[in-house]
Full PDB file with SEQRES, HELIX, SHEET, SSBOND, CRYST1, ORIGX, SCALE, CONECT and MASTER records, all heavy atoms in Angstrom:
SEQRES   1 A   32  HIS VAL PRO ASN SER GLY ARG LEU ALA ASP LEU LEU ASN          
SEQRES   2 A   32  PRO HIS ARG PRO VAL TRP LEU ALA PRO GLY ALA ALA PRO          
SEQRES   3 A   32  HIS ARG LYS THR ALA TYR                                      
CRYST1    1.000    1.000    1.000  90.00  90.00  90.00 P 1           1          
ORIGX1      1.000000  0.000000  0.000000        0.00000                         
ORIGX2      0.000000  1.000000  0.000000        0.00000                         
ORIGX3      0.000000  0.000000  1.000000        0.00000                         
SCALE1      1.000000  0.000000  0.000000        0.00000                         
SCALE2      0.000000  1.000000  0.000000        0.00000                         
SCALE3      0.000000  0.000000  1.000000        0.00000                         
ATOM      1  N   HIS A   1     -87.103 154.747 116.718  1.00  0.00           N  
ATOM      2  CA  HIS A   1     -85.973 154.445 117.681  1.00  0.00           C  
ATOM      3  C   HIS A   1     -86.318 153.198 118.447  1.00  0.00           C  
ATOM      4  O   HIS A   1     -87.424 153.020 118.956  1.00  0.00           O  
ATOM      5  CB  HIS A   1     -85.730 155.570 118.603  1.00  0.00           C  
ATOM      6  CG  HIS A   1     -84.699 155.295 119.748  1.00  0.00           C  
ATOM      7  ND1 HIS A   1     -83.402 155.217 119.355  1.00  0.00           N  
ATOM      8  CD2 HIS A   1     -84.756 154.997 120.940  1.00  0.00           C  
ATOM      9  CE1 HIS A   1     -82.639 154.930 120.484  1.00  0.00           C  
ATOM     10  NE2 HIS A   1     -83.610 154.858 121.529  1.00  0.00           N  
ATOM     11  N   VAL A   2     -85.375 152.298 118.537  1.00  0.00           N  
ATOM     12  CA  VAL A   2     -85.448 150.941 119.267  1.00  0.00           C  
ATOM     13  C   VAL A   2     -84.620 151.157 120.465  1.00  0.00           C  
ATOM     14  O   VAL A   2     -83.412 151.128 120.400  1.00  0.00           O  
ATOM     15  CB  VAL A   2     -85.116 149.823 118.513  1.00  0.00           C  
ATOM     16  CG1 VAL A   2     -85.237 148.485 119.330  1.00  0.00           C  
ATOM     17  CG2 VAL A   2     -85.825 149.655 117.181  1.00  0.00           C  
ATOM     18  N   PRO A   3     -85.269 151.447 121.734  1.00  0.00           N  
ATOM     19  CA  PRO A   3     -84.368 151.728 122.838  1.00  0.00           C  
ATOM     20  C   PRO A   3     -83.579 150.431 123.423  1.00  0.00           C  
ATOM     21  O   PRO A   3     -82.605 150.595 124.072  1.00  0.00           O  
ATOM     22  CB  PRO A   3     -85.393 152.160 123.980  1.00  0.00           C  
ATOM     23  CG  PRO A   3     -86.706 151.928 123.390  1.00  0.00           C  
ATOM     24  CD  PRO A   3     -86.586 151.611 121.976  1.00  0.00           C  
ATOM     25  N   ASN A   4     -84.038 149.287 123.066  1.00  0.00           N  
ATOM     26  CA  ASN A   4     -83.312 148.031 123.493  1.00  0.00           C  
ATOM     27  C   ASN A   4     -82.492 147.611 122.286  1.00  0.00           C  
ATOM     28  O   ASN A   4     -82.988 147.292 121.257  1.00  0.00           O  
ATOM     29  CB  ASN A   4     -84.341 147.004 123.798  1.00  0.00           C  
ATOM     30  CG  ASN A   4     -83.687 145.757 124.280  1.00  0.00           C  
ATOM     31  OD1 ASN A   4     -82.531 145.360 123.918  1.00  0.00           O  
ATOM     32  ND2 ASN A   4     -84.329 144.977 125.109  1.00  0.00           N  
ATOM     33  N   SER A   5     -81.224 147.649 122.568  1.00  0.00           N  
ATOM     34  CA  SER A   5     -80.243 147.330 121.433  1.00  0.00           C  
ATOM     35  C   SER A   5     -80.120 145.849 121.273  1.00  0.00           C  
ATOM     36  O   SER A   5     -79.428 145.370 120.347  1.00  0.00           O  
ATOM     37  CB  SER A   5     -78.911 147.930 121.586  1.00  0.00           C  
ATOM     38  OG  SER A   5     -78.352 147.421 122.778  1.00  0.00           O  
ATOM     39  N   GLY A   6     -80.786 144.963 122.046  1.00  0.00           N  
ATOM     40  CA  GLY A   6     -80.732 143.535 121.874  1.00  0.00           C  
ATOM     41  C   GLY A   6     -81.148 143.035 120.611  1.00  0.00           C  
ATOM     42  O   GLY A   6     -81.792 143.765 119.816  1.00  0.00           O  
ATOM     43  N   ARG A   7     -80.957 141.783 120.343  1.00  0.00           N  
ATOM     44  CA  ARG A   7     -81.349 141.308 119.024  1.00  0.00           C  
ATOM     45  C   ARG A   7     -82.812 141.232 118.847  1.00  0.00           C  
ATOM     46  O   ARG A   7     -83.306 141.575 117.679  1.00  0.00           O  
ATOM     47  CB  ARG A   7     -80.768 139.901 118.877  1.00  0.00           C  
ATOM     48  CG  ARG A   7     -79.201 139.985 118.735  1.00  0.00           C  
ATOM     49  CD  ARG A   7     -78.651 138.683 118.498  1.00  0.00           C  
ATOM     50  NE  ARG A   7     -79.231 138.020 117.389  1.00  0.00           N  
ATOM     51  CZ  ARG A   7     -78.820 136.937 116.861  1.00  0.00           C  
ATOM     52  NH1 ARG A   7     -77.821 136.284 117.408  1.00  0.00           N  
ATOM     53  NH2 ARG A   7     -79.446 136.380 115.792  1.00  0.00           N  
ATOM     54  N   LEU A   8     -83.590 140.849 119.771  1.00  0.00           N  
ATOM     55  CA  LEU A   8     -85.047 140.735 119.684  1.00  0.00           C  
ATOM     56  C   LEU A   8     -85.565 139.960 118.438  1.00  0.00           C  
ATOM     57  O   LEU A   8     -86.699 140.219 117.986  1.00  0.00           O  
ATOM     58  CB  LEU A   8     -85.635 142.192 119.726  1.00  0.00           C  
ATOM     59  CG  LEU A   8     -85.301 143.023 120.903  1.00  0.00           C  
ATOM     60  CD1 LEU A   8     -85.864 144.477 120.690  1.00  0.00           C  
ATOM     61  CD2 LEU A   8     -86.032 142.440 122.176  1.00  0.00           C  
ATOM     62  N   ALA A   9     -84.734 139.094 117.922  1.00  0.00           N  
ATOM     63  CA  ALA A   9     -85.123 138.306 116.734  1.00  0.00           C  
ATOM     64  C   ALA A   9     -86.422 137.516 116.953  1.00  0.00           C  
ATOM     65  O   ALA A   9     -87.124 137.377 115.919  1.00  0.00           O  
ATOM     66  CB  ALA A   9     -84.038 137.397 116.365  1.00  0.00           C  
ATOM     67  N   ASP A  10     -86.711 137.100 118.114  1.00  0.00           N  
ATOM     68  CA  ASP A  10     -87.949 136.319 118.272  1.00  0.00           C  
ATOM     69  C   ASP A  10     -89.214 137.140 118.356  1.00  0.00           C  
ATOM     70  O   ASP A  10     -90.331 136.714 118.113  1.00  0.00           O  
ATOM     71  CB  ASP A  10     -87.943 135.506 119.551  1.00  0.00           C  
ATOM     72  CG  ASP A  10     -86.873 134.413 119.553  1.00  0.00           C  
ATOM     73  OD1 ASP A  10     -86.483 133.974 118.433  1.00  0.00           O  
ATOM     74  OD2 ASP A  10     -86.364 133.999 120.584  1.00  0.00           O  
ATOM     75  N   LEU A  11     -89.000 138.485 118.593  1.00  0.00           N  
ATOM     76  CA  LEU A  11     -90.141 139.357 118.673  1.00  0.00           C  
ATOM     77  C   LEU A  11     -90.432 140.202 117.495  1.00  0.00           C  
ATOM     78  O   LEU A  11     -91.506 140.468 117.123  1.00  0.00           O  
ATOM     79  CB  LEU A  11     -89.916 140.261 119.950  1.00  0.00           C  
ATOM     80  CG  LEU A  11     -89.790 139.554 121.260  1.00  0.00           C  
ATOM     81  CD1 LEU A  11     -89.515 140.535 122.392  1.00  0.00           C  
ATOM     82  CD2 LEU A  11     -91.102 138.742 121.618  1.00  0.00           C  
ATOM     83  N   LEU A  12     -89.245 140.663 116.915  1.00  0.00           N  
ATOM     84  CA  LEU A  12     -89.457 141.647 115.770  1.00  0.00           C  
ATOM     85  C   LEU A  12     -89.468 140.889 114.447  1.00  0.00           C  
ATOM     86  O   LEU A  12     -88.462 140.820 113.765  1.00  0.00           O  
ATOM     87  CB  LEU A  12     -88.339 142.718 115.803  1.00  0.00           C  
ATOM     88  CG  LEU A  12     -88.413 143.630 117.035  1.00  0.00           C  
ATOM     89  CD1 LEU A  12     -87.192 144.595 117.040  1.00  0.00           C  
ATOM     90  CD2 LEU A  12     -89.701 144.405 117.104  1.00  0.00           C  
ATOM     91  N   ASN A  13     -90.591 140.406 114.052  1.00  0.00           N  
ATOM     92  CA  ASN A  13     -90.858 139.760 112.867  1.00  0.00           C  
ATOM     93  C   ASN A  13     -91.743 140.616 111.902  1.00  0.00           C  
ATOM     94  O   ASN A  13     -92.551 141.496 112.332  1.00  0.00           O  
ATOM     95  CB  ASN A  13     -91.641 138.414 113.101  1.00  0.00           C  
ATOM     96  CG  ASN A  13     -90.833 137.439 113.897  1.00  0.00           C  
ATOM     97  OD1 ASN A  13     -89.622 137.270 113.688  1.00  0.00           O  
ATOM     98  ND2 ASN A  13     -91.469 136.861 114.814  1.00  0.00           N  
ATOM     99  N   PRO A  14     -91.462 140.553 110.649  1.00  0.00           N  
ATOM    100  CA  PRO A  14     -92.209 141.507 109.723  1.00  0.00           C  
ATOM    101  C   PRO A  14     -93.703 141.378 109.889  1.00  0.00           C  
ATOM    102  O   PRO A  14     -94.230 140.298 110.098  1.00  0.00           O  
ATOM    103  CB  PRO A  14     -91.683 141.006 108.291  1.00  0.00           C  
ATOM    104  CG  PRO A  14     -90.413 140.392 108.533  1.00  0.00           C  
ATOM    105  CD  PRO A  14     -90.470 139.798 109.952  1.00  0.00           C  
ATOM    106  N   HIS A  15     -94.364 142.554 109.901  1.00  0.00           N  
ATOM    107  CA  HIS A  15     -95.837 142.681 109.990  1.00  0.00           C  
ATOM    108  C   HIS A  15     -96.397 142.370 111.361  1.00  0.00           C  
ATOM    109  O   HIS A  15     -97.612 142.333 111.518  1.00  0.00           O  
ATOM    110  CB  HIS A  15     -96.502 141.879 108.959  1.00  0.00           C  
ATOM    111  CG  HIS A  15     -95.975 142.157 107.487  1.00  0.00           C  
ATOM    112  ND1 HIS A  15     -96.271 143.429 106.907  1.00  0.00           N  
ATOM    113  CD2 HIS A  15     -95.213 141.546 106.652  1.00  0.00           C  
ATOM    114  CE1 HIS A  15     -95.711 143.489 105.775  1.00  0.00           C  
ATOM    115  NE2 HIS A  15     -95.091 142.332 105.564  1.00  0.00           N  
ATOM    116  N   ARG A  16     -95.559 142.243 112.378  1.00  0.00           N  
ATOM    117  CA  ARG A  16     -96.046 142.057 113.671  1.00  0.00           C  
ATOM    118  C   ARG A  16     -96.460 143.380 114.243  1.00  0.00           C  
ATOM    119  O   ARG A  16     -95.776 144.334 114.047  1.00  0.00           O  
ATOM    120  CB  ARG A  16     -94.886 141.502 114.581  1.00  0.00           C  
ATOM    121  CG  ARG A  16     -95.367 141.318 116.038  1.00  0.00           C  
ATOM    122  CD  ARG A  16     -94.360 140.504 116.775  1.00  0.00           C  
ATOM    123  NE  ARG A  16     -94.515 139.128 116.339  1.00  0.00           N  
ATOM    124  CZ  ARG A  16     -94.453 138.140 117.153  1.00  0.00           C  
ATOM    125  NH1 ARG A  16     -94.237 138.295 118.400  1.00  0.00           N  
ATOM    126  NH2 ARG A  16     -94.556 136.877 116.685  1.00  0.00           N  
ATOM    127  N   PRO A  17     -97.571 143.429 114.976  1.00  0.00           N  
ATOM    128  CA  PRO A  17     -98.081 144.635 115.585  1.00  0.00           C  
ATOM    129  C   PRO A  17     -97.057 145.158 116.630  1.00  0.00           C  
ATOM    130  O   PRO A  17     -96.508 144.374 117.361  1.00  0.00           O  
ATOM    131  CB  PRO A  17     -99.352 144.420 116.149  1.00  0.00           C  
ATOM    132  CG  PRO A  17     -99.773 143.102 115.734  1.00  0.00           C  
ATOM    133  CD  PRO A  17     -98.461 142.367 115.237  1.00  0.00           C  
ATOM    134  N   VAL A  18     -96.806 146.528 116.601  1.00  0.00           N  
ATOM    135  CA  VAL A  18     -95.911 147.072 117.668  1.00  0.00           C  
ATOM    136  C   VAL A  18     -96.680 148.351 118.177  1.00  0.00           C  
ATOM    137  O   VAL A  18     -97.500 149.001 117.544  1.00  0.00           O  
ATOM    138  CB  VAL A  18     -94.569 147.456 117.220  1.00  0.00           C  
ATOM    139  CG1 VAL A  18     -93.674 146.192 116.910  1.00  0.00           C  
ATOM    140  CG2 VAL A  18     -94.636 148.330 115.919  1.00  0.00           C  
ATOM    141  N   TRP A  19     -96.368 148.765 119.394  1.00  0.00           N  
ATOM    142  CA  TRP A  19     -96.974 149.974 120.042  1.00  0.00           C  
ATOM    143  C   TRP A  19     -95.889 150.982 120.161  1.00  0.00           C  
ATOM    144  O   TRP A  19     -94.773 150.659 120.760  1.00  0.00           O  
ATOM    145  CB  TRP A  19     -97.594 149.624 121.337  1.00  0.00           C  
ATOM    146  CG  TRP A  19     -98.806 148.757 121.121  1.00  0.00           C  
ATOM    147  CD1 TRP A  19     -98.866 147.448 121.255  1.00  0.00           C  
ATOM    148  CD2 TRP A  19    -100.075 149.245 120.848  1.00  0.00           C  
ATOM    149  NE1 TRP A  19    -100.211 147.038 120.918  1.00  0.00           N  
ATOM    150  CE2 TRP A  19    -100.907 148.128 120.636  1.00  0.00           C  
ATOM    151  CE3 TRP A  19    -100.651 150.480 120.515  1.00  0.00           C  
ATOM    152  CZ2 TRP A  19    -102.269 148.242 120.327  1.00  0.00           C  
ATOM    153  CZ3 TRP A  19    -101.951 150.612 120.167  1.00  0.00           C  
ATOM    154  CH2 TRP A  19    -102.766 149.450 120.094  1.00  0.00           C  
ATOM    155  N   LEU A  20     -96.065 152.142 119.712  1.00  0.00           N  
ATOM    156  CA  LEU A  20     -95.001 153.158 119.666  1.00  0.00           C  
ATOM    157  C   LEU A  20     -95.405 154.347 120.541  1.00  0.00           C  
ATOM    158  O   LEU A  20     -96.576 154.824 120.583  1.00  0.00           O  
ATOM    159  CB  LEU A  20     -94.928 153.660 118.235  1.00  0.00           C  
ATOM    160  CG  LEU A  20     -94.621 152.562 117.213  1.00  0.00           C  
ATOM    161  CD1 LEU A  20     -94.943 152.972 115.743  1.00  0.00           C  
ATOM    162  CD2 LEU A  20     -93.141 152.086 117.338  1.00  0.00           C  
ATOM    163  N   ALA A  21     -94.381 154.932 121.169  1.00  0.00           N  
ATOM    164  CA  ALA A  21     -94.559 156.173 121.959  1.00  0.00           C  
ATOM    165  C   ALA A  21     -94.055 157.313 121.219  1.00  0.00           C  
ATOM    166  O   ALA A  21     -92.929 157.221 120.729  1.00  0.00           O  
ATOM    167  CB  ALA A  21     -93.894 156.023 123.362  1.00  0.00           C  
ATOM    168  N   PRO A  22     -94.790 158.451 121.109  1.00  0.00           N  
ATOM    169  CA  PRO A  22     -94.301 159.591 120.383  1.00  0.00           C  
ATOM    170  C   PRO A  22     -93.071 160.175 121.128  1.00  0.00           C  
ATOM    171  O   PRO A  22     -93.003 160.184 122.327  1.00  0.00           O  
ATOM    172  CB  PRO A  22     -95.456 160.564 120.419  1.00  0.00           C  
ATOM    173  CG  PRO A  22     -96.685 159.766 120.782  1.00  0.00           C  
ATOM    174  CD  PRO A  22     -96.161 158.607 121.504  1.00  0.00           C  
ATOM    175  N   GLY A  23     -92.008 160.548 120.311  1.00  0.00           N  
ATOM    176  CA  GLY A  23     -91.001 161.298 120.929  1.00  0.00           C  
ATOM    177  C   GLY A  23     -91.060 162.793 120.627  1.00  0.00           C  
ATOM    178  O   GLY A  23     -91.152 163.205 119.493  1.00  0.00           O  
ATOM    179  N   ALA A  24     -91.019 163.614 121.708  1.00  0.00           N  
ATOM    180  CA  ALA A  24     -91.358 165.010 121.533  1.00  0.00           C  
ATOM    181  C   ALA A  24     -90.159 165.926 121.418  1.00  0.00           C  
ATOM    182  O   ALA A  24     -90.343 167.058 121.068  1.00  0.00           O  
ATOM    183  CB  ALA A  24     -92.160 165.428 122.821  1.00  0.00           C  
ATOM    184  N   ALA A  25     -88.929 165.423 121.668  1.00  0.00           N  
ATOM    185  CA  ALA A  25     -87.764 166.332 121.588  1.00  0.00           C  
ATOM    186  C   ALA A  25     -87.511 166.794 120.284  1.00  0.00           C  
ATOM    187  O   ALA A  25     -87.514 165.949 119.230  1.00  0.00           O  
ATOM    188  CB  ALA A  25     -86.581 165.600 122.262  1.00  0.00           C  
ATOM    189  N   PRO A  26     -87.221 168.019 120.002  1.00  0.00           N  
ATOM    190  CA  PRO A  26     -87.110 168.586 118.645  1.00  0.00           C  
ATOM    191  C   PRO A  26     -85.780 168.134 118.015  1.00  0.00           C  
ATOM    192  O   PRO A  26     -85.698 168.126 116.783  1.00  0.00           O  
ATOM    193  CB  PRO A  26     -87.012 170.110 118.837  1.00  0.00           C  
ATOM    194  CG  PRO A  26     -86.681 170.303 120.298  1.00  0.00           C  
ATOM    195  CD  PRO A  26     -87.188 169.153 121.029  1.00  0.00           C  
ATOM    196  N   HIS A  27     -84.733 167.664 118.672  1.00  0.00           N  
ATOM    197  CA  HIS A  27     -83.469 167.309 118.126  1.00  0.00           C  
ATOM    198  C   HIS A  27     -83.458 165.832 117.717  1.00  0.00           C  
ATOM    199  O   HIS A  27     -82.473 165.376 117.083  1.00  0.00           O  
ATOM    200  CB  HIS A  27     -82.390 167.493 119.185  1.00  0.00           C  
ATOM    201  CG  HIS A  27     -82.512 166.593 120.400  1.00  0.00           C  
ATOM    202  ND1 HIS A  27     -83.330 166.835 121.303  1.00  0.00           N  
ATOM    203  CD2 HIS A  27     -81.903 165.426 120.686  1.00  0.00           C  
ATOM    204  CE1 HIS A  27     -83.272 165.894 122.301  1.00  0.00           C  
ATOM    205  NE2 HIS A  27     -82.402 164.982 121.884  1.00  0.00           N  
ATOM    206  N   ARG A  28     -84.621 165.123 117.883  1.00  0.00           N  
ATOM    207  CA  ARG A  28     -84.714 163.620 117.454  1.00  0.00           C  
ATOM    208  C   ARG A  28     -84.588 163.444 115.948  1.00  0.00           C  
ATOM    209  O   ARG A  28     -85.186 164.264 115.225  1.00  0.00           O  
ATOM    210  CB  ARG A  28     -85.936 163.142 118.043  1.00  0.00           C  
ATOM    211  CG  ARG A  28     -85.929 162.954 119.547  1.00  0.00           C  
ATOM    212  CD  ARG A  28     -87.360 162.392 120.030  1.00  0.00           C  
ATOM    213  NE  ARG A  28     -87.553 161.116 119.313  1.00  0.00           N  
ATOM    214  CZ  ARG A  28     -87.520 159.940 119.984  1.00  0.00           C  
ATOM    215  NH1 ARG A  28     -87.222 159.917 121.247  1.00  0.00           N  
ATOM    216  NH2 ARG A  28     -87.819 158.840 119.336  1.00  0.00           N  
ATOM    217  N   LYS A  29     -84.039 162.324 115.635  1.00  0.00           N  
ATOM    218  CA  LYS A  29     -84.019 161.905 114.168  1.00  0.00           C  
ATOM    219  C   LYS A  29     -85.209 161.113 113.848  1.00  0.00           C  
ATOM    220  O   LYS A  29     -85.594 161.018 112.714  1.00  0.00           O  
ATOM    221  CB  LYS A  29     -82.773 161.138 113.818  1.00  0.00           C  
ATOM    222  CG  LYS A  29     -81.460 161.892 113.933  1.00  0.00           C  
ATOM    223  CD  LYS A  29     -80.340 161.156 113.570  1.00  0.00           C  
ATOM    224  CE  LYS A  29     -79.055 161.979 113.622  1.00  0.00           C  
ATOM    225  NZ  LYS A  29     -77.860 161.204 113.351  1.00  0.00           N  
ATOM    226  N   THR A  30     -85.898 160.495 114.872  1.00  0.00           N  
ATOM    227  CA  THR A  30     -87.041 159.691 114.669  1.00  0.00           C  
ATOM    228  C   THR A  30     -88.245 160.203 115.580  1.00  0.00           C  
ATOM    229  O   THR A  30     -87.993 160.844 116.607  1.00  0.00           O  
ATOM    230  CB  THR A  30     -86.806 158.230 115.089  1.00  0.00           C  
ATOM    231  OG1 THR A  30     -86.543 158.147 116.454  1.00  0.00           O  
ATOM    232  CG2 THR A  30     -85.813 157.632 114.212  1.00  0.00           C  
ATOM    233  N   ALA A  31     -89.468 160.041 115.102  1.00  0.00           N  
ATOM    234  CA  ALA A  31     -90.598 160.680 115.778  1.00  0.00           C  
ATOM    235  C   ALA A  31     -91.175 159.685 116.851  1.00  0.00           C  
ATOM    236  O   ALA A  31     -92.058 160.152 117.651  1.00  0.00           O  
ATOM    237  CB  ALA A  31     -91.668 161.028 114.740  1.00  0.00           C  
ATOM    238  N   TYR A  32     -90.758 158.472 116.835  1.00  0.00           N  
ATOM    239  CA  TYR A  32     -91.339 157.485 117.751  1.00  0.00           C  
ATOM    240  C   TYR A  32     -90.233 156.570 118.438  1.00  0.00           C  
ATOM    241  O   TYR A  32     -89.166 156.324 117.863  1.00  0.00           O  
ATOM    242  CB  TYR A  32     -92.283 156.577 117.091  1.00  0.00           C  
ATOM    243  CG  TYR A  32     -93.437 157.261 116.425  1.00  0.00           C  
ATOM    244  CD1 TYR A  32     -93.445 157.578 115.046  1.00  0.00           C  
ATOM    245  CD2 TYR A  32     -94.538 157.658 117.089  1.00  0.00           C  
ATOM    246  CE1 TYR A  32     -94.533 158.302 114.490  1.00  0.00           C  
ATOM    247  CE2 TYR A  32     -95.649 158.396 116.565  1.00  0.00           C  
ATOM    248  CZ  TYR A  32     -95.599 158.639 115.165  1.00  0.00           C  
ATOM    249  OH  TYR A  32     -96.548 159.391 114.672  1.00  0.00           O  
TER     250      TYR A  32                                                      
MASTER        0    0    0    0    0    0    0    6  249    1    0    3          
END                                                                             
């Protein structure tokens, strides 16, 4: 899940490292 719906084109480039927080809610479609 990407909580910021902005474009983020300058930051989200293929193979760029990202830090993910686990999502614990059972109803989620994504785990992070």
